[in-house]
Amino acid sequence: MKLRVLAVILLIVSVVLSIVCYLALPDVVTTQIDLNGNPTTMPKLLAILIPAVIGIGGSAVSIIEKGESRKSLVISLVGVALFCMMLVVNLI
């Protein structure tokens, strides 16, 4: 039961971060920085869609699962971490 509550919280956090990223990020988002310091960019919608699918999908699978597996929660946490890194790289 506790894992299901955590999955719902991660689902809500993923949705909120998707909205925040859509409103706050520029139209072209930096997604990677190579060893020389050159940024790799991506359109905003695609850059938001990738961590959203990871975060929301992991949470949804965790909610639907009958067992007490933590794998899908870890996947959802990766999606949330990607959102946080994207915000830090592009806004700071």
Protein backbone atom coordinates (compact mmCIF):
# COMPACT_ATOMS: atom_id res chain seq x y z
CA MET A 1 0.00 0.00 0.00
CA LYS A 2 2.83 2.42 0.81
CA LEU A 3 4.40 1.83 -2.59
CA ARG A 4 1.11 2.64 -4.28
CA VAL A 5 0.89 5.96 -2.41
CA LEU A 6 4.46 6.75 -3.44
CA ALA A 7 3.58 5.88 -7.04
CA VAL A 8 0.63 8.30 -6.97
CA ILE A 9 2.86 11.03 -5.53
CA LEU A 10 5.47 10.43 -8.25
CA LEU A 11 2.72 10.52 -10.88
CA ILE A 12 1.52 13.90 -9.63
CA VAL A 13 5.10 15.23 -9.44
CA SER A 14 5.75 14.09 -13.02
CA VAL A 15 2.62 15.81 -14.32
CA VAL A 16 3.40 19.03 -12.42
CA LEU A 17 7.01 19.04 -13.66
CA SER A 18 5.77 18.50 -17.22
CA ILE A 19 3.60 21.59 -16.95
CA VAL A 20 6.35 23.64 -15.27
CA CYS A 21 8.86 22.63 -17.94
CA TYR A 22 6.44 23.49 -20.73
CA LEU A 23 5.87 26.95 -19.29
CA ALA A 24 9.43 27.73 -18.18
CA LEU A 25 11.74 26.24 -20.80
CA PRO A 26 12.71 27.93 -24.07
CA ASP A 27 11.54 26.56 -27.44
CA VAL A 28 14.91 24.84 -27.99
CA VAL A 29 16.11 22.92 -24.93
CA THR A 30 19.68 21.88 -24.14
CA THR A 31 19.63 18.16 -23.45
CA GLN A 32 23.31 17.23 -23.34
CA ILE A 33 26.66 18.95 -23.03
CA ASP A 34 29.68 17.19 -24.55
CA LEU A 35 33.21 17.16 -23.16
CA ASN A 36 34.11 20.30 -25.11
CA GLY A 37 31.18 22.20 -23.60
CA ASN A 38 29.08 22.20 -26.78
CA PRO A 39 25.35 21.80 -26.11
CA THR A 40 23.10 19.33 -27.90
CA THR A 41 19.60 20.72 -28.33
CA MET A 42 16.13 19.35 -28.93
CA PRO A 43 12.68 20.89 -29.52
CA LYS A 44 10.88 21.62 -26.25
CA LEU A 45 7.93 19.27 -26.77
CA LEU A 46 10.14 16.27 -27.51
CA ALA A 47 12.47 17.11 -24.62
CA ILE A 48 9.50 17.21 -22.23
CA LEU A 49 7.80 14.15 -23.69
CA ILE A 50 10.71 11.76 -23.02
CA PRO A 51 10.97 12.22 -19.21
CA ALA A 52 7.17 12.56 -18.98
CA VAL A 53 6.67 9.13 -20.54
CA ILE A 54 9.34 7.65 -18.27
CA GLY A 55 7.97 9.27 -15.10
CA ILE A 56 4.25 8.85 -15.74
CA GLY A 57 4.70 5.40 -17.27
CA GLY A 58 6.74 4.11 -14.35
CA SER A 59 4.18 5.43 -11.88
CA ALA A 60 1.26 4.01 -13.84
CA VAL A 61 2.86 0.56 -14.03
CA SER A 62 3.57 0.69 -10.30
CA ILE A 63 -0.06 1.57 -9.56
CA ILE A 64 -1.38 -1.21 -11.80
CA GLU A 65 1.05 -3.89 -10.55
CA LYS A 66 -0.28 -6.28 -7.94
CA GLY A 67 3.09 -7.11 -6.35
CA GLU A 68 5.41 -5.01 -4.25
CA SER A 69 8.05 -4.50 -6.95
CA ARG A 70 10.08 -1.30 -6.74
CA LYS A 71 11.46 -1.41 -10.29
CA SER A 72 8.75 0.77 -11.80
CA LEU A 73 9.12 3.30 -8.97
CA VAL A 74 12.83 3.58 -9.74
CA ILE A 75 11.94 4.18 -13.40
CA SER A 76 9.53 6.92 -12.34
CA LEU A 77 12.23 8.49 -10.14
CA VAL A 78 14.55 8.53 -13.17
CA GLY A 79 11.90 10.50 -15.08
CA VAL A 80 11.60 13.03 -12.25
CA ALA A 81 15.40 13.32 -12.06
CA LEU A 82 15.55 13.98 -15.82
CA PHE A 83 13.03 16.80 -15.42
CA CYS A 84 15.07 18.32 -12.59
CA MET A 85 18.33 18.10 -14.55
CA MET A 86 16.68 19.64 -17.61
CA LEU A 87 15.40 22.57 -15.56
CA VAL A 88 18.79 23.14 -13.93
CA VAL A 89 20.73 22.99 -17.21
CA ASN A 90 18.37 25.30 -19.08
CA LEU A 91 17.40 27.85 -16.44
CA ILE A 92 20.60 28.34 -14.45
